Protein backbone atom coordinates (compact mmCIF):
# COMPACT_ATOMS: atom_id res chain seq x y z
CA MET A 1 0.00 0.00 0.00
CA ALA A 2 1.39 3.39 -1.03
CA PHE A 3 1.56 6.29 1.43
CA SER A 4 1.49 9.85 0.14
CA VAL A 5 3.92 12.56 1.24
CA VAL A 6 2.15 15.93 1.20
CA MET A 7 3.11 19.52 1.92
CA PRO A 8 1.97 19.92 5.55
CA ALA A 9 0.13 22.86 7.08
CA LEU A 10 1.54 24.15 10.37
CA GLU A 11 -0.95 26.98 10.75
CA MET A 12 -4.43 27.88 9.57
CA ALA A 13 -3.36 30.74 7.29
CA GLN A 14 -0.55 28.85 5.58
CA GLU A 15 -1.00 28.59 1.81
CA THR A 16 2.32 27.23 0.57
CA GLY A 17 5.58 25.79 1.79
CA LYS A 18 9.02 25.96 0.22
CA LEU A 19 10.80 22.63 -0.26
CA LEU A 20 14.37 23.26 0.88
CA ALA A 21 15.92 19.82 0.53
CA TRP A 22 15.19 16.11 0.29
CA ARG A 23 17.00 14.05 2.92
CA LYS A 24 16.50 10.89 0.83
CA GLN A 25 16.78 10.26 -2.89
CA GLU A 26 14.21 8.55 -5.06
CA GLY A 27 14.54 4.79 -4.79
CA GLU A 28 16.10 4.87 -1.33
CA ARG A 29 14.62 2.96 1.58
CA VAL A 30 13.09 5.12 4.33
CA THR A 31 11.98 4.34 7.87
CA LYS A 32 8.89 5.78 9.50
CA GLY A 33 9.79 8.73 11.69
CA GLU A 34 13.18 9.52 10.18
CA PRO A 35 13.76 12.95 8.57
CA LEU A 36 12.60 12.86 4.96
CA LEU A 37 12.72 16.49 3.80
CA GLU A 38 13.12 20.08 4.96
CA ILE A 39 10.50 22.72 4.26
CA GLU A 40 10.20 26.40 5.00
CA THR A 41 6.81 27.84 5.84
CA ASP A 42 5.63 31.17 7.16
CA LYS A 43 6.18 29.76 10.63
CA ALA A 44 9.63 28.18 10.58
CA VAL A 45 12.03 25.83 8.86
CA VAL A 46 11.04 22.30 9.86
CA GLU A 47 11.98 18.72 9.17
CA VAL A 48 9.20 16.48 7.88
CA GLU A 49 9.39 12.85 8.93
CA ALA A 50 8.59 9.85 6.78
CA PRO A 51 4.98 8.71 7.35
CA ALA A 52 5.75 5.02 6.78
CA ASP A 53 8.43 2.42 6.04
CA GLY A 54 9.17 1.74 2.39
CA ILE A 55 10.82 3.09 -0.74
CA LEU A 56 10.71 6.77 -1.68
CA ALA A 57 9.19 7.02 -5.16
CA GLY A 58 7.36 9.35 -7.51
CA ILE A 59 9.02 12.59 -6.33
CA LYS A 60 7.06 15.45 -7.88
CA ALA A 61 8.86 18.52 -6.52
CA ALA A 62 12.46 19.70 -6.49
CA ALA A 63 14.32 21.75 -3.91
CA GLY A 64 13.42 25.42 -4.11
CA ALA A 65 9.84 24.88 -5.22
CA ASP A 66 6.92 26.66 -3.54
CA ILE A 67 4.20 24.04 -3.10
CA PRO A 68 0.55 24.46 -2.10
CA VAL A 69 -0.43 22.95 1.23
CA GLY A 70 -1.92 19.49 0.81
CA GLN A 71 -0.31 18.78 -2.55
CA ILE A 72 1.25 15.33 -2.92
CA ILE A 73 4.99 15.66 -3.53
CA ALA A 74 6.08 12.00 -3.34
CA TRP A 75 5.04 8.49 -2.39
CA ILE A 76 6.38 5.80 -0.11
CA VAL A 77 5.76 2.39 -1.63
CA ALA A 78 6.54 -1.24 -0.91
CA PRO A 79 9.56 -2.79 -2.66
CA GLY A 80 8.61 -3.47 -6.27
CA GLU A 81 5.44 -1.37 -6.05
CA GLU A 82 4.85 1.53 -8.42
CA PRO A 83 3.54 4.88 -7.15
CA PRO A 84 -0.09 5.66 -8.05
CA ALA A 85 -0.61 7.14 -11.48
CA GLU A 86 -1.12 10.90 -11.81
CA SER A 87 -4.80 11.74 -11.59
CA GLU A 88 -7.09 14.66 -11.03
CA SER A 89 -7.28 13.79 -7.37
CA THR A 90 -3.51 14.10 -6.88
CA ALA A 91 -2.99 17.18 -9.02
CA PRO A 92 -2.72 20.52 -7.22
CA THR A 93 -5.96 22.43 -6.98
CA ALA A 94 -6.12 26.18 -7.20
CA ARG A 95 -7.81 28.05 -4.40
CA ALA A 96 -10.99 29.72 -5.52
CA GLY A 97 -10.26 33.12 -6.95
CA SER A 98 -6.49 32.79 -6.54
CA HIS A 99 -5.67 32.43 -10.24
CA ALA A 100 -7.20 34.33 -13.14
CA LYS A 101 -6.95 33.67 -16.87
CA ILE A 102 -3.51 34.37 -18.32
CA GLU A 103 -3.03 36.04 -21.68
CA PRO A 104 -0.63 34.55 -24.30
CA SER A 105 1.17 37.89 -24.57
CA ARG A 106 2.07 37.67 -20.88
CA VAL A 107 3.65 34.24 -21.32
CA ALA A 108 5.69 35.45 -24.26
CA ALA A 109 6.93 38.47 -22.35
CA SER A 110 7.90 36.33 -19.38
CA GLU A 111 9.72 33.76 -21.48
CA ALA A 112 11.60 36.52 -23.27
CA GLY A 113 12.84 37.82 -19.93
CA SER A 114 11.30 41.26 -20.24
CA PRO A 115 9.40 42.94 -17.41
CA VAL A 116 5.80 41.86 -17.26
CA GLN A 117 3.40 44.73 -17.85
CA ALA A 118 0.09 42.88 -18.13
CA PRO A 119 -2.72 44.19 -15.91
CA THR A 120 -2.85 42.37 -12.60
CA SER A 121 -6.48 41.51 -13.14
CA THR A 122 -5.42 39.11 -15.92
CA ALA A 123 -2.14 37.93 -14.41
CA LYS A 124 -1.54 34.54 -12.87
CA ILE A 125 -0.31 35.37 -9.37
CA SER A 126 0.27 33.05 -6.47
CA PRO A 127 -1.67 33.95 -3.31
CA LYS A 128 1.57 34.39 -1.39
CA ALA A 129 2.96 36.75 -4.05
CA ARG A 130 -0.22 38.83 -4.01
CA ARG A 131 -0.09 39.13 -0.22
CA LEU A 132 3.59 40.14 -0.22
CA ALA A 133 3.04 42.71 -2.97
CA LYS A 134 0.30 44.34 -0.93
CA GLN A 135 2.41 44.27 2.23
CA TRP A 136 5.53 45.74 0.60
CA GLY A 137 3.80 48.14 -1.79
CA VAL A 138 5.07 46.43 -4.95
CA ASP A 139 3.23 47.16 -8.22
CA LEU A 140 2.50 43.71 -9.63
CA ALA A 141 2.33 45.13 -13.16
CA THR A 142 6.09 45.77 -13.01
CA VAL A 143 7.10 42.38 -11.60
CA ARG A 144 9.13 40.02 -13.78
CA ALA A 145 7.41 36.59 -13.62
CA SER A 146 9.50 33.43 -13.36
CA GLY A 147 6.92 30.78 -12.53
CA PRO A 148 5.49 28.10 -14.81
CA GLY A 149 3.29 29.62 -17.50
CA GLY A 150 4.29 33.14 -16.51
CA GLU A 151 3.06 32.92 -12.92
CA VAL A 152 4.23 35.63 -10.53
CA LEU A 153 5.80 33.91 -7.51
CA ALA A 154 6.62 35.21 -4.05
CA SER A 155 10.31 35.21 -5.00
CA ASP A 156 9.53 37.51 -7.93
CA VAL A 157 7.88 40.01 -5.60
CA GLN A 158 10.85 39.82 -3.23
CA ALA A 159 13.23 40.51 -6.11
CA ALA A 160 11.15 43.48 -7.22
CA ALA A 161 11.05 44.89 -3.70
CA ALA A 162 14.82 44.55 -3.34
CA ALA A 163 15.62 46.13 -6.71
CA PRO A 164 16.96 49.72 -6.67
CA ALA A 165 13.99 52.10 -6.81
CA GLU A 166 13.77 55.39 -8.69
CA SER A 167 12.36 58.42 -6.94
CA VAL A 168 10.36 61.20 -8.54
CA GLY A 169 12.64 63.02 -10.98
CA GLY A 170 14.66 59.89 -11.82
CA ALA A 171 17.31 60.14 -9.10
CA PRO A 172 17.94 56.90 -7.22
CA ARG A 173 16.78 56.82 -3.60
CA SER A 174 19.43 56.45 -0.94
CA GLY A 175 19.55 53.66 1.63
CA SER A 176 18.90 49.96 1.25
CA ILE A 177 15.98 47.55 1.44
CA GLU A 178 16.08 44.50 3.65
CA ILE A 179 13.60 41.79 2.71
CA PRO A 180 12.34 39.95 5.78
CA SER A 181 12.56 36.20 5.81
CA SER A 182 9.45 34.07 6.11
CA LEU A 183 10.04 33.91 9.85
CA GLY A 184 10.56 37.65 10.11
CA ARG A 185 7.39 38.34 8.15
CA ILE A 186 5.23 36.00 10.18
CA MET A 187 6.63 37.47 13.42
CA ALA A 188 5.64 40.92 12.23
CA GLU A 189 2.17 39.74 11.29
CA ARG A 190 1.55 37.82 14.50
CA THR A 191 2.84 40.43 16.91
CA THR A 192 0.79 43.08 15.14
CA GLN A 193 -2.30 40.90 15.29
CA SER A 194 -1.73 40.05 18.95
CA TRP A 195 -1.00 43.61 20.03
CA THR A 196 -4.01 45.04 18.17
CA THR A 197 -6.58 42.34 19.02
CA VAL A 198 -5.59 40.95 22.43
CA PRO A 199 -6.29 43.22 25.44
CA HIS A 200 -2.92 43.00 27.19
CA PHE A 201 -2.24 43.99 30.76
CA PHE A 202 1.03 43.61 32.66
CA VAL A 203 1.90 42.70 36.23
CA THR A 204 5.49 43.04 37.45
CA ARG A 205 7.17 41.61 40.51
CA GLU A 206 10.76 41.71 41.74
CA ILE A 207 11.84 38.49 43.43
CA GLU A 208 14.92 37.35 45.29
CA ALA A 209 16.89 34.72 43.37
CA THR A 210 19.38 33.66 46.06
CA ALA A 211 17.76 30.27 46.71
CA LEU A 212 17.32 29.72 42.97
CA ASN A 213 21.04 30.28 42.44
CA HIS A 214 21.96 27.91 45.25
CA TYR A 215 19.63 25.18 43.99
CA ARG A 216 21.08 25.47 40.48
CA GLU A 217 24.61 25.08 41.83
CA LEU A 218 23.50 22.10 43.92
CA MET A 219 21.92 20.27 40.96
CA MET A 220 24.34 21.33 38.24
CA ALA A 221 27.21 18.92 38.82
CA GLU A 222 25.04 15.82 39.17
CA ILE A 223 22.92 16.55 36.12
CA GLU A 224 25.93 17.51 34.01
CA ARG A 225 27.58 14.22 34.96
CA SER A 226 24.54 12.03 34.35
CA ARG A 227 22.89 13.79 31.39
CA GLN A 228 25.70 15.86 29.82
CA VAL A 229 23.62 19.03 29.89
CA ARG A 230 24.15 22.30 31.75
CA ILE A 231 21.26 23.49 33.89
CA THR A 232 20.21 27.07 33.18
CA HIS A 233 17.98 29.48 35.07
CA THR A 234 15.51 29.08 32.22
CA ASP A 235 15.31 25.35 32.94
CA LEU A 236 14.58 26.05 36.60
CA LEU A 237 11.89 28.58 35.72
CA VAL A 238 10.28 26.22 33.20
CA ALA A 239 10.04 23.53 35.88
CA LEU A 240 8.72 25.86 38.58
CA VAL A 241 6.33 27.85 36.37
CA ALA A 242 4.85 24.66 34.92
CA ARG A 243 4.02 23.30 38.37
CA VAL A 244 2.61 26.59 39.64
CA LEU A 245 0.50 26.98 36.48
CA LEU A 246 -1.47 23.82 37.27
CA LYS A 247 -2.92 25.70 40.25
CA HIS A 248 -3.80 28.73 38.09
CA PRO A 249 -5.66 27.32 35.08
CA ARG A 250 -6.80 30.71 33.73
CA LEU A 251 -3.16 31.52 32.96
CA ASN A 252 -2.60 28.14 31.29
CA ALA A 253 -5.51 28.55 28.92
CA SER A 254 -6.41 29.17 25.28
CA TRP A 255 -8.85 31.86 24.17
CA SER A 256 -11.45 31.49 21.45
CA PRO A 257 -14.67 33.48 20.96
CA GLU A 258 -16.66 30.34 21.70
CA ALA A 259 -14.96 29.21 24.90
CA ILE A 260 -11.90 29.41 27.12
CA ARG A 261 -10.03 26.11 27.12
CA LEU A 262 -8.35 25.30 30.46
CA HIS A 263 -5.48 22.86 30.02
CA ASP A 264 -4.65 20.21 32.59
CA TYR A 265 -1.09 19.92 31.26
CA VAL A 266 1.65 22.45 30.52
CA ASN A 267 3.44 22.57 27.18
CA MET A 268 5.99 25.31 27.80
CA GLY A 269 7.06 27.53 24.93
CA ILE A 270 10.59 28.93 25.32
CA ALA A 271 11.51 31.93 23.18
CA VAL A 272 14.69 31.14 21.23
CA ALA A 273 16.56 33.76 19.24
CA VAL A 274 17.39 32.59 15.70
CA GLN A 275 18.53 34.37 12.59
CA ASP A 276 15.95 37.00 11.56
CA GLY A 277 13.63 36.38 14.47
CA VAL A 278 12.46 34.39 17.46
CA VAL A 279 10.75 31.01 17.64
CA ALA A 280 8.96 29.46 20.61
CA ALA A 281 10.40 25.98 20.96
CA VAL A 282 8.11 23.77 23.04
CA VAL A 283 8.95 21.55 26.01
CA HIS A 284 5.98 19.21 26.14
CA ASN A 285 4.46 18.11 29.47
CA ALA A 286 6.84 20.30 31.41
CA HIS A 287 4.58 19.99 34.49
CA SER A 288 5.56 16.34 34.94
CA ALA A 289 9.12 16.36 33.56
CA SER A 290 12.14 16.33 35.85
CA LEU A 291 14.61 19.20 35.83
CA ALA A 292 17.12 17.07 33.91
CA GLU A 293 14.50 16.07 31.31
CA ILE A 294 13.51 19.70 30.83
CA ALA A 295 17.15 20.74 30.37
CA VAL A 296 17.79 18.03 27.78
CA GLU A 297 14.65 18.83 25.79
CA ARG A 298 15.28 22.57 26.00
CA ARG A 299 18.83 22.11 24.73
CA ASP A 300 17.76 19.83 21.89
CA VAL A 301 14.91 22.00 20.56
CA ALA A 302 17.01 25.15 20.89
CA GLU A 303 19.83 23.56 18.88
CA ARG A 304 17.40 22.45 16.19
CA ALA A 305 15.86 25.93 16.10
CA ARG A 306 19.22 27.65 15.62
CA ALA A 307 20.24 25.10 12.98
CA GLY A 308 16.96 25.50 11.10
CA LYS A 309 16.07 21.84 11.75
CA LEU A 310 12.87 22.19 13.74
CA ARG A 311 10.27 19.46 13.55
CA PRO A 312 6.54 20.23 13.46
CA ALA A 313 6.13 18.96 17.03
CA ASP A 314 8.88 21.33 18.24
CA ILE A 315 6.69 24.40 17.71
CA ALA A 316 3.20 23.00 18.27
CA ASP A 317 0.65 23.17 21.08
CA ALA A 318 2.34 25.49 23.60
CA THR A 319 -0.01 26.51 26.43
CA PHE A 320 2.24 29.18 28.02
CA THR A 321 5.50 30.88 27.04
CA ILE A 322 8.62 32.10 28.87
CA SER A 323 10.89 34.71 27.31
CA ASN A 324 14.19 35.18 29.16
CA LEU A 325 16.48 38.07 28.20
CA GLY A 326 18.57 37.90 31.35
CA MET A 327 21.57 36.54 29.44
CA TYR A 328 21.60 39.83 27.50
CA GLN A 329 21.85 41.88 30.73
CA VAL A 330 18.27 43.14 30.36
CA ASP A 331 16.80 44.17 33.71
CA GLN A 332 13.10 44.20 32.78
CA PHE A 333 10.86 44.07 29.73
CA SER A 334 7.34 43.26 28.59
CA ALA A 335 6.52 40.52 26.08
CA ILE A 336 3.65 40.16 23.62
CA ILE A 337 1.27 37.23 24.06
CA THR A 338 1.20 34.47 21.45
CA PRO A 339 -2.49 33.74 20.71
CA PRO A 340 -4.41 31.68 21.58
CA GLN A 341 -2.30 31.47 24.75
CA ALA A 342 -3.53 33.59 27.63
CA ALA A 343 -0.19 34.72 29.08
CA ILE A 344 3.56 35.05 28.67
CA LEU A 345 6.26 35.57 31.30
CA ALA A 346 9.15 37.98 30.59
CA VAL A 347 12.26 37.30 32.68
CA GLY A 348 14.98 39.87 33.35
CA GLY A 349 18.54 39.28 34.46
CA ILE A 350 19.70 38.38 37.96
CA ALA A 351 21.80 41.10 39.58
CA ASP A 352 22.87 42.15 43.06
CA ARG A 353 20.77 45.00 44.43
CA VAL A 354 20.44 46.78 47.72
CA ILE A 355 17.11 45.99 49.37
CA ALA A 356 15.61 46.35 52.84
CA VAL A 357 15.80 43.18 54.93
CA GLU A 358 14.21 43.45 58.38
CA GLY A 359 14.68 47.18 58.29
CA GLN A 360 18.35 47.03 57.32
CA ALA A 361 20.03 47.59 53.95
CA ALA A 362 21.29 44.34 52.45
CA VAL A 363 22.62 43.13 49.10
CA ARG A 364 20.65 40.32 47.50
CA SER A 365 20.47 38.66 44.07
CA MET A 366 17.26 39.95 42.51
CA MET A 367 15.37 39.45 39.28
CA THR A 368 12.28 41.04 37.76
CA LEU A 369 9.39 39.04 36.28
CA THR A 370 6.71 40.66 34.12
CA LEU A 371 3.58 38.71 33.35
CA ALA A 372 1.50 39.73 30.31
CA CYS A 373 -2.10 38.48 30.38
CA ASP A 374 -5.08 38.43 28.05
CA HIS A 375 -7.74 40.37 29.98
CA ARG A 376 -10.47 38.32 28.31
CA VAL A 377 -9.16 35.25 30.15
CA ALA A 378 -7.54 36.47 33.37
CA ASP A 379 -7.74 39.53 35.61
CA GLY A 380 -5.21 41.36 37.75
CA ALA A 381 -5.99 39.42 40.91
CA ARG A 382 -5.37 36.07 39.22
CA ALA A 383 -2.11 37.35 37.75
CA ALA A 384 -0.96 38.68 41.13
CA LEU A 385 -1.75 35.40 42.91
CA PHE A 386 0.19 33.46 40.28
CA LEU A 387 3.25 35.68 40.66
CA ARG A 388 3.03 35.43 44.44
CA GLU A 389 3.10 31.65 44.38
CA LEU A 390 5.83 31.64 41.74
CA ALA A 391 7.92 33.88 44.00
CA GLU A 392 7.35 31.43 46.87
CA SER A 393 8.51 28.55 44.68
CA THR A 394 11.78 30.33 43.85
CA ARG A 395 12.48 30.73 47.58
CA GLU A 396 12.10 26.96 48.10
CA PRO A 397 12.70 25.27 44.73
CA ALA A 398 13.51 21.89 46.30
CA LYS A 399 10.00 21.80 47.82
CA PHE A 400 8.34 22.28 44.42
CA LEU A 401 10.62 20.15 42.24
CA PRO A 402 11.09 16.37 42.39
CA SER A 403 14.54 15.15 43.30
C-alpha cells in the first residue's frame, strides 16, 4: 500500500511551503519517523518525517519549489510497487479566486525575460505573491514573472522589492531595502495581530533569586555528569512555572470566541533567538518532567531551532511561554502574548541590588518578572496570585521540584 507525502500545514493561514531539501533520494529505503525532507513555511524551517516504512518514489517537486499545502509531492511504496498514477485527485488544486486567466502575450513576455506589464487583473499570481506585494507596496504590473506559465511567484515580488527604486525626478533613492525572511514576516504579522486584538495587561514583581542560584549550583554537577547538559535558570523557571501553572488554570488557557479552554497539562514555549527572528520551541508536558528532562529537551529543541532543523512537534501546542532576556543583561521588559495562549512571562537578568531586609540595607540577588495576560481570560488578581506563588517557589525550589 502506497503512502502519500504531502506539503503539511503548520498553521491555519498557511497557503504554501518551500521545499528546501530532500534528505532521501528517489529509490532509497526510508523508515517511519526519520527525517525525509526540509521545508520552509511562514512559521519556521522544519523537518518532515517519513509517514511510513518503504521506498521513496514518484518525487514530484524539487528543492526550491513553492508548493501548495496538501499537494502530494512524493510516495512511499513497498519494494517493487509503483507509485499511483497521476490523476485529477492528486494534481494541485487552485484556491478559488487565486488564479485568473492568463493572456498569451504575458507568457511570451515572461519567457523573453522582459518585465511583465500585463494588468494584474489578468495575471496569474500566487496567493503568497499577491499578499507580499500588498504588504511591501510592490506594483504587480512591473514584476518580472519566473513561474510556470508566466506565474508571478513570491520570489519575484521579493526581487522586485529589493531592486533599486527610482524616486520622482529619476534620481535613485538612498539607503537599502532589507527583505524579511518568512520567519521575520510572520513574526511581524503575528505580533501586530496580537497587540491590536488581544487586550494585554502587565503585572510586574521583583523576586529574590538567592535560593534559585543555590539550587542550580546544587543540581548542576550531578545533572551535568549524568545527562551531559548544563542546567540554566531558564530550565529552573520552566520547571517551577509549569508546576505553579497547574494551580492557576486561567493563565494556562487558550482563548477562542466560543470558549476558554483550560489545560490540565503544561506545554511550555521557550523563546529562542534565531537568525531573523524568534521562535517558541516547546517543552511538552513540562509539568511532569524532571529538571534534567527539561534541560535536555530545551537544549535539543534550541539547537534544532538555531540550525533551522525544527520538527513540526517542536513548535506545536504550547499553552504558556517564557521569554528570558537575562543573558543579554536586560533588567526588565514586557513581552507580547502568542495567541491563543492567555499569558507570557518575561524574565529579566539576575543582579545584586540593595534591598531592605528586616529594616536594614542588604545586598541580594534579585530578578524582575513581568507577566503579560489576556484580559479576556484572566484579571489582575489572578495574575498577582500566580506571581506570588511563583515567588514562593523560587524561595524553596527543592520543595516544588522532584529530586
